[in-house]
Amino acid sequence: MTSMREILRIGRLATILVYAWWASAAFAASGAGMSAPMLRIALKPQVLVERSDVRLGDIATLSSPNLDVLRRAMSLPLGHAPRMGEAIALESARLQWWLRSRTGLQEDQIEWDGAMTTSVRTAAREVAGEAVVEQARAALLTHIQALAQQKGLVQPRIELQPVSMPVTMEIPAAGTSLRVRPLAQALVGKRMLVWVDAYAGERHVRAIPVRFDVGLFAVVPVARTELAAGSEVQAASVAFHEVELTRLSPVSMPAAWSAEEVASTSMRVRRRTEGGEVLTTDRIQSVPAVARGQRVSVISRNGALSLESQAESLQDGQIGQVVRARPLNASAVLLARVIGPGQLEAQP
């Protein structure tokens, strides 16, 4: 049974305006000499509420000769609905005392009927585990597709298999939604976790973890034979196969070049690569337009006048990048922009 303290706690949501209205209504009824009760209340023995807030009209059948009185009585707030699986028991005797203290109505102006105790529970609906998994799968698939596009993977293919199926669960019936937590910049791995949260309105009800086995496949360049560090990549030394990237270590979904790029771009090996290994960005790179230690031409412009001199590049650089260079037979260092293979333009 609910204690007097709990009844008072439930009633704290009643406002001063409600009290003032009830007091004025009671005074008017008394002055008019009404003999019939102003409000009849018949408590229900058991109630399932669907809203997050409980009102008097939810737990009782109300009647009144005054329509305005009836409407206000039905909307009188009692407090929050109980959590799933819990119940609140309201005794009519204690509820009578609480109602009079909050409304200003006299005892003879309220007629009570029905059950002596009302048990209040939250109405529930079942959510199948399959529905939770489908929302988690859709969010994870979108996340991986976006990362695959960002990395420039060729012909990506994604396989998602739930590790286990969440059981069917009960959640509040009204205003309930399932929301997948943002995956942010989570790296793709062989096993990934997605959280799905159940909300009743804006109130968090439950968090459901869904784990997936992930397979991310893409067509990537693979070394046919061993490639030495610093060597140039020849088209004949590269084959293209579909590879499951989630089995690589570490799993970081590396970007890879297409067959057209390998054939049209000069590339060199960054570090020794065994035959059969995937040629990702940490293993090969485009040959720079100018290389460190290379003798290059430097063009200096002054209005319509252009001067060309020789220098040693102190850095690797692609076209458009600014690198450091040292003119031949000089100790000073200048900054120059790469404008072509072996060609720099001095910066002012």
Protein backbone atom coordinates (compact mmCIF):
# COMPACT_ATOMS: atom_id res chain seq x y z
CA MET A 1 0.00 0.00 0.00
CA THR A 2 1.10 3.53 -0.65
CA SER A 3 2.09 5.55 2.43
CA MET A 4 0.81 9.05 3.18
CA ARG A 5 4.23 10.44 2.22
CA GLU A 6 3.99 8.80 -1.21
CA ILE A 7 0.49 10.23 -1.73
CA LEU A 8 1.80 13.68 -0.91
CA ARG A 9 4.71 13.18 -3.31
CA ILE A 10 2.31 12.29 -6.11
CA GLY A 11 0.32 15.46 -5.48
CA ARG A 12 3.20 17.91 -5.67
CA LEU A 13 2.53 18.51 -9.34
CA ALA A 14 -0.84 20.20 -8.61
CA THR A 15 -0.43 23.94 -9.10
CA ILE A 16 -1.53 26.92 -7.03
CA LEU A 17 -3.82 27.95 -9.88
CA VAL A 18 -5.67 24.63 -9.67
CA TYR A 19 -6.13 25.12 -5.93
CA ALA A 20 -7.41 28.65 -6.39
CA TRP A 21 -9.94 27.57 -9.00
CA TRP A 22 -11.28 24.71 -6.90
CA ALA A 23 -11.59 26.96 -3.86
CA SER A 24 -13.62 29.53 -5.79
CA ALA A 25 -15.77 26.80 -7.31
CA ALA A 26 -16.48 25.33 -3.88
CA PHE A 27 -17.46 28.75 -2.53
CA ALA A 28 -19.80 29.36 -5.46
CA ALA A 29 -21.42 25.95 -5.04
CA SER A 30 -21.94 26.55 -1.30
CA GLY A 31 -23.50 29.96 -1.93
CA ALA A 32 -25.87 28.47 -4.48
CA GLY A 33 -27.04 25.92 -1.93
CA MET A 34 -26.30 22.89 -4.10
CA SER A 35 -27.52 19.69 -2.47
CA ALA A 36 -26.12 17.25 -5.06
CA PRO A 37 -22.34 16.49 -4.98
CA MET A 38 -20.29 18.73 -7.20
CA LEU A 39 -18.05 15.82 -8.23
CA ARG A 40 -18.55 12.05 -8.30
CA ILE A 41 -15.43 9.88 -8.39
CA ALA A 42 -15.46 6.11 -8.93
CA LEU A 43 -11.99 4.60 -8.60
CA LYS A 44 -10.99 1.80 -10.95
CA PRO A 45 -9.42 -1.28 -9.31
CA GLN A 46 -6.61 -1.55 -11.89
CA VAL A 47 -5.35 0.98 -14.41
CA LEU A 48 -2.85 0.78 -17.27
CA VAL A 49 -1.67 4.27 -18.19
CA GLU A 50 -0.06 5.10 -21.52
CA ARG A 51 1.16 8.63 -20.80
CA SER A 52 4.25 9.40 -18.75
CA ASP A 53 2.16 11.63 -16.45
CA VAL A 54 -0.88 10.29 -14.55
CA ARG A 55 -4.06 12.33 -14.21
CA LEU A 56 -7.17 11.82 -12.11
CA GLY A 57 -9.19 10.95 -15.19
CA ASP A 58 -6.82 8.02 -15.84
CA ILE A 59 -7.59 6.21 -12.57
CA ALA A 60 -11.27 7.01 -12.02
CA THR A 61 -14.63 7.49 -13.73
CA LEU A 62 -15.72 11.07 -13.09
CA SER A 63 -19.06 12.85 -13.40
CA SER A 64 -20.31 16.32 -12.53
CA PRO A 65 -23.31 18.51 -13.35
CA ASN A 66 -20.78 21.21 -14.25
CA LEU A 67 -18.90 20.47 -17.49
CA ASP A 68 -16.06 22.84 -16.61
CA VAL A 69 -15.63 21.16 -13.22
CA LEU A 70 -15.53 17.77 -14.93
CA ARG A 71 -12.89 18.82 -17.45
CA ARG A 72 -10.64 20.31 -14.77
CA ALA A 73 -11.04 17.30 -12.51
CA MET A 74 -10.11 14.85 -15.24
CA SER A 75 -6.91 16.79 -16.04
CA LEU A 76 -5.81 17.11 -12.40
CA PRO A 77 -2.19 15.80 -12.34
CA LEU A 78 -1.19 13.06 -9.90
CA GLY A 79 2.46 12.49 -10.80
CA HIS A 80 4.68 10.37 -13.04
CA ALA A 81 3.68 6.92 -14.21
CA PRO A 82 5.58 4.06 -12.55
CA ARG A 83 8.51 2.37 -14.25
CA MET A 84 7.97 -0.74 -16.32
CA GLY A 85 7.22 -3.74 -14.11
CA GLU A 86 6.37 -1.57 -11.07
CA ALA A 87 3.00 -0.50 -9.66
CA ILE A 88 1.67 2.34 -7.53
CA ALA A 89 -1.23 1.52 -5.18
CA LEU A 90 -3.57 4.41 -4.30
CA GLU A 91 -6.05 3.99 -1.39
CA SER A 92 -9.30 5.89 -1.73
CA ALA A 93 -9.26 7.13 1.90
CA ARG A 94 -5.85 8.74 1.58
CA LEU A 95 -6.61 9.97 -1.93
CA GLN A 96 -9.79 11.67 -0.61
CA TRP A 97 -7.81 13.59 1.99
CA TRP A 98 -5.19 14.59 -0.60
CA LEU A 99 -7.83 15.69 -3.12
CA ARG A 100 -9.67 17.90 -0.60
CA SER A 101 -6.42 19.49 0.55
CA ARG A 102 -5.47 20.33 -3.02
CA THR A 103 -8.84 21.48 -4.38
CA GLY A 104 -10.55 23.22 -1.50
CA LEU A 105 -13.73 21.17 -1.99
CA GLN A 106 -15.57 20.06 1.14
CA GLU A 107 -16.22 16.44 1.97
CA ASP A 108 -19.94 16.68 1.18
CA GLN A 109 -19.16 18.13 -2.27
CA ILE A 110 -17.29 14.98 -3.42
CA GLU A 111 -18.94 11.58 -3.71
CA TRP A 112 -16.62 8.56 -3.80
CA ASP A 113 -17.48 5.18 -5.26
CA GLY A 114 -15.83 2.17 -6.84
CA ALA A 115 -12.74 0.33 -5.60
CA MET A 116 -11.10 1.06 -2.28
CA THR A 117 -7.62 0.78 -3.87
CA THR A 118 -6.38 1.53 -7.37
CA SER A 119 -3.29 -0.23 -8.76
CA VAL A 120 -1.54 1.89 -11.41
CA ARG A 121 0.81 0.30 -13.92
CA THR A 122 2.37 1.51 -17.16
CA ALA A 123 0.88 0.03 -20.32
CA ALA A 124 3.47 -1.86 -22.35
CA ARG A 125 3.96 -3.15 -25.85
CA GLU A 126 6.31 -5.80 -27.13
CA VAL A 127 9.22 -4.95 -29.40
CA ALA A 128 10.73 -7.88 -31.26
CA GLY A 129 14.48 -8.31 -31.20
CA GLU A 130 14.44 -8.40 -35.00
CA ALA A 131 13.15 -4.81 -35.13
CA VAL A 132 16.00 -3.61 -32.92
CA VAL A 133 18.58 -5.47 -35.03
CA GLU A 134 17.22 -4.01 -38.27
CA GLN A 135 17.56 -0.44 -37.00
CA ALA A 136 21.09 -1.15 -35.76
CA ARG A 137 22.00 -2.85 -39.06
CA ALA A 138 20.73 0.07 -41.16
CA ALA A 139 22.73 2.60 -39.13
CA LEU A 140 25.92 0.51 -39.21
CA LEU A 141 25.61 -0.12 -42.95
CA THR A 142 25.25 3.62 -43.64
CA HIS A 143 28.27 4.34 -41.43
CA ILE A 144 30.53 1.82 -43.18
CA GLN A 145 29.37 2.89 -46.65
CA ALA A 146 30.28 6.49 -45.85
CA LEU A 147 33.75 5.49 -44.62
CA ALA A 148 34.32 3.30 -47.69
CA GLN A 149 33.44 6.22 -49.97
CA GLN A 150 35.66 8.55 -47.95
CA LYS A 151 38.61 6.16 -48.30
CA GLY A 152 38.01 5.71 -52.02
CA LEU A 153 37.59 1.94 -51.87
CA VAL A 154 36.91 0.26 -55.22
CA GLN A 155 33.74 -1.87 -55.50
CA PRO A 156 33.12 -2.10 -51.73
CA ARG A 157 30.91 -4.93 -50.48
CA ILE A 158 29.63 -5.14 -46.90
CA GLU A 159 28.37 -8.14 -44.94
CA LEU A 160 26.75 -7.72 -41.51
CA GLN A 161 25.76 -10.67 -39.35
CA PRO A 162 24.30 -10.16 -35.83
CA VAL A 163 26.22 -12.17 -33.26
CA SER A 164 23.08 -12.75 -31.18
CA MET A 165 19.43 -11.70 -31.40
CA PRO A 166 18.04 -9.49 -28.60
CA VAL A 167 15.04 -11.06 -26.89
CA THR A 168 11.55 -9.64 -27.32
CA MET A 169 11.15 -6.89 -24.72
CA GLU A 170 8.39 -4.82 -23.19
CA ILE A 171 8.58 -1.04 -23.40
CA PRO A 172 6.01 1.71 -22.63
CA ALA A 173 3.17 1.63 -25.15
CA ALA A 174 2.80 5.36 -25.83
CA GLY A 175 5.30 7.77 -27.31
CA THR A 176 8.02 5.13 -27.55
CA SER A 177 10.85 5.36 -30.08
CA LEU A 178 14.04 3.45 -30.83
CA ARG A 179 17.14 5.57 -31.48
CA VAL A 180 20.54 4.34 -32.62
CA ARG A 181 23.46 6.07 -30.92
CA PRO A 182 25.75 7.95 -33.35
CA LEU A 183 28.73 5.88 -34.47
CA ALA A 184 30.87 9.01 -34.91
CA GLN A 185 34.23 8.07 -36.46
CA ALA A 186 34.31 4.47 -35.24
CA LEU A 187 36.82 2.45 -37.26
CA VAL A 188 35.61 -0.61 -39.07
CA GLY A 189 36.53 -3.83 -37.29
CA LYS A 190 35.71 -7.51 -37.54
CA ARG A 191 33.37 -7.18 -34.55
CA MET A 192 31.38 -3.96 -34.00
CA LEU A 193 28.93 -2.89 -31.30
CA VAL A 194 25.86 -0.72 -31.93
CA TRP A 195 23.74 0.70 -29.09
CA VAL A 196 19.99 1.17 -29.57
CA ASP A 197 18.15 3.25 -26.94
CA ALA A 198 14.42 3.00 -26.21
CA TYR A 199 12.71 6.25 -25.21
CA ALA A 200 9.24 6.99 -23.87
CA GLY A 201 8.84 10.55 -25.05
CA GLU A 202 12.15 12.07 -23.96
CA ARG A 203 12.59 9.70 -21.01
CA HIS A 204 15.26 7.03 -21.51
CA VAL A 205 13.81 3.59 -20.84
CA ARG A 206 16.38 1.03 -21.92
CA ALA A 207 19.70 0.58 -23.73
CA ILE A 208 20.07 -2.45 -26.00
CA PRO A 209 23.51 -3.58 -27.27
CA VAL A 210 23.65 -5.24 -30.71
CA ARG A 211 26.90 -6.85 -31.87
CA PHE A 212 27.73 -7.63 -35.48
CA ASP A 213 30.33 -9.68 -37.28
CA VAL A 214 31.49 -7.35 -40.05
CA GLY A 215 32.90 -8.24 -43.44
CA LEU A 216 34.17 -5.34 -45.58
CA PHE A 217 35.41 -6.36 -49.02
CA ALA A 218 36.98 -4.22 -51.76
CA VAL A 219 39.05 -4.66 -54.92
CA VAL A 220 42.59 -3.63 -53.97
CA PRO A 221 46.09 -3.92 -55.46
CA VAL A 222 48.08 -6.92 -54.22
CA ALA A 223 51.82 -7.47 -54.74
CA ARG A 224 52.48 -10.42 -57.07
CA THR A 225 56.06 -10.74 -55.81
CA GLU A 226 58.26 -9.22 -53.14
CA LEU A 227 58.78 -5.46 -53.57
CA ALA A 228 61.87 -3.75 -52.12
CA ALA A 229 61.61 -0.44 -50.28
CA GLY A 230 62.24 2.50 -52.61
CA SER A 231 61.65 0.51 -55.79
CA GLU A 232 59.24 1.68 -58.45
CA VAL A 233 55.97 -0.20 -58.74
CA GLN A 234 55.54 -1.82 -62.13
CA ALA A 235 52.07 -2.67 -63.44
CA ALA A 236 53.20 -6.25 -64.02
CA SER A 237 54.08 -6.62 -60.33
CA VAL A 238 50.55 -5.79 -59.17
CA ALA A 239 47.36 -7.86 -59.30
CA PHE A 240 43.85 -6.74 -58.31
CA HIS A 241 41.70 -8.98 -56.12
CA GLU A 242 38.72 -8.63 -53.83
CA VAL A 243 40.07 -8.73 -50.27
CA GLU A 244 38.28 -8.74 -46.91
CA LEU A 245 39.80 -5.64 -45.34
CA THR A 246 38.36 -6.37 -41.90
CA ARG A 247 40.81 -9.28 -41.62
CA LEU A 248 43.83 -6.99 -42.03
CA SER A 249 45.84 -5.96 -38.97
CA PRO A 250 45.48 -3.30 -37.85
CA VAL A 251 41.97 -2.85 -39.19
CA SER A 252 41.82 0.72 -40.43
CA MET A 253 39.98 0.32 -43.76
CA PRO A 254 42.92 1.56 -45.86
CA ALA A 255 42.43 3.37 -49.14
CA ALA A 256 43.81 1.63 -52.21
CA TRP A 257 44.57 2.56 -55.80
CA SER A 258 42.57 1.38 -58.78
CA ALA A 259 44.10 -0.50 -61.70
CA GLU A 260 43.85 2.66 -63.84
CA GLU A 261 45.79 4.72 -61.28
CA VAL A 262 48.57 2.16 -61.00
CA ALA A 263 48.92 2.03 -64.78
CA SER A 264 48.94 5.81 -65.27
CA THR A 265 50.85 7.00 -62.19
CA SER A 266 54.46 6.42 -61.24
CA MET A 267 54.59 4.87 -57.79
CA ARG A 268 57.28 3.62 -55.47
CA VAL A 269 57.37 1.29 -52.50
CA ARG A 270 57.58 2.93 -49.09
CA ARG A 271 58.60 -0.22 -47.22
CA ARG A 272 59.39 -3.81 -48.07
CA THR A 273 56.28 -5.71 -49.09
CA GLU A 274 55.87 -9.48 -49.37
CA GLY A 275 54.10 -11.10 -52.29
CA GLY A 276 50.37 -11.38 -51.61
CA GLU A 277 50.25 -8.34 -49.32
CA VAL A 278 47.77 -5.53 -49.99
CA LEU A 279 49.40 -2.36 -51.33
CA THR A 280 47.77 0.29 -49.17
CA THR A 281 48.75 3.90 -48.54
CA ASP A 282 51.24 2.90 -45.86
CA ARG A 283 53.12 0.74 -48.38
CA ILE A 284 53.18 2.65 -51.68
CA GLN A 285 52.96 6.27 -52.74
CA SER A 286 53.04 8.30 -55.91
CA VAL A 287 56.56 9.19 -57.07
CA PRO A 288 57.01 12.89 -56.19
CA ALA A 289 57.49 15.49 -58.91
CA VAL A 290 60.72 16.45 -57.15
CA ALA A 291 62.65 14.20 -54.77
CA ARG A 292 64.91 14.99 -51.86
CA GLY A 293 68.52 15.36 -53.10
CA GLN A 294 67.39 15.81 -56.71
CA ARG A 295 68.96 18.54 -58.87
CA VAL A 296 66.11 20.81 -60.02
CA SER A 297 65.56 23.99 -62.05
CA VAL A 298 64.40 27.06 -60.12
CA ILE A 299 62.61 29.87 -61.95
CA SER A 300 62.69 33.33 -60.35
CA ARG A 301 60.23 35.89 -61.75
CA ASN A 302 60.57 39.67 -61.49
CA GLY A 303 57.83 41.28 -63.55
CA ALA A 304 58.29 40.18 -67.18
CA LEU A 305 61.83 38.99 -66.44
CA SER A 306 62.42 35.29 -65.60
CA LEU A 307 65.71 33.82 -64.41
CA GLU A 308 66.48 30.14 -64.22
CA SER A 309 69.05 28.60 -61.90
CA GLN A 310 69.97 25.19 -60.52
CA ALA A 311 69.34 23.98 -56.97
CA GLU A 312 69.16 20.86 -54.84
CA SER A 313 65.71 19.93 -53.49
CA LEU A 314 65.78 19.30 -49.76
CA GLN A 315 62.34 17.67 -49.68
CA ASP A 316 60.04 15.42 -51.68
CA GLY A 317 57.18 17.36 -53.23
CA GLN A 318 54.18 16.97 -55.51
CA ILE A 319 52.99 19.63 -57.97
CA GLY A 320 51.55 22.60 -56.06
CA GLN A 321 53.46 21.94 -52.84
CA VAL A 322 56.09 24.31 -51.43
CA VAL A 323 59.46 22.72 -50.65
CA ARG A 324 62.83 23.84 -49.36
CA ALA A 325 65.74 23.98 -51.83
CA ARG A 326 69.42 25.07 -51.71
CA PRO A 327 70.90 26.82 -54.76
CA LEU A 328 74.06 25.19 -56.06
CA ASN A 329 77.29 26.67 -54.64
CA ALA A 330 75.30 28.51 -51.97
CA SER A 331 74.46 27.94 -48.32
CA ALA A 332 71.17 29.87 -48.20
CA VAL A 333 67.88 27.95 -48.32
CA LEU A 334 64.89 29.16 -50.31
CA LEU A 335 61.23 28.20 -50.52
CA ALA A 336 59.91 27.23 -53.93
CA ARG A 337 56.65 25.83 -55.31
CA VAL A 338 56.72 22.64 -57.38
CA ILE A 339 55.40 23.49 -60.88
CA GLY A 340 56.40 20.35 -62.74
CA PRO A 341 58.72 17.32 -62.68
CA GLY A 342 62.11 18.67 -61.57
CA GLN A 343 60.90 22.27 -61.75
CA LEU A 344 60.44 24.84 -58.96
CA GLU A 345 59.28 28.44 -58.86
CA ALA A 346 60.90 30.63 -56.21
CA GLN A 347 58.49 32.19 -53.71
CA PRO A 348 58.76 35.91 -52.90
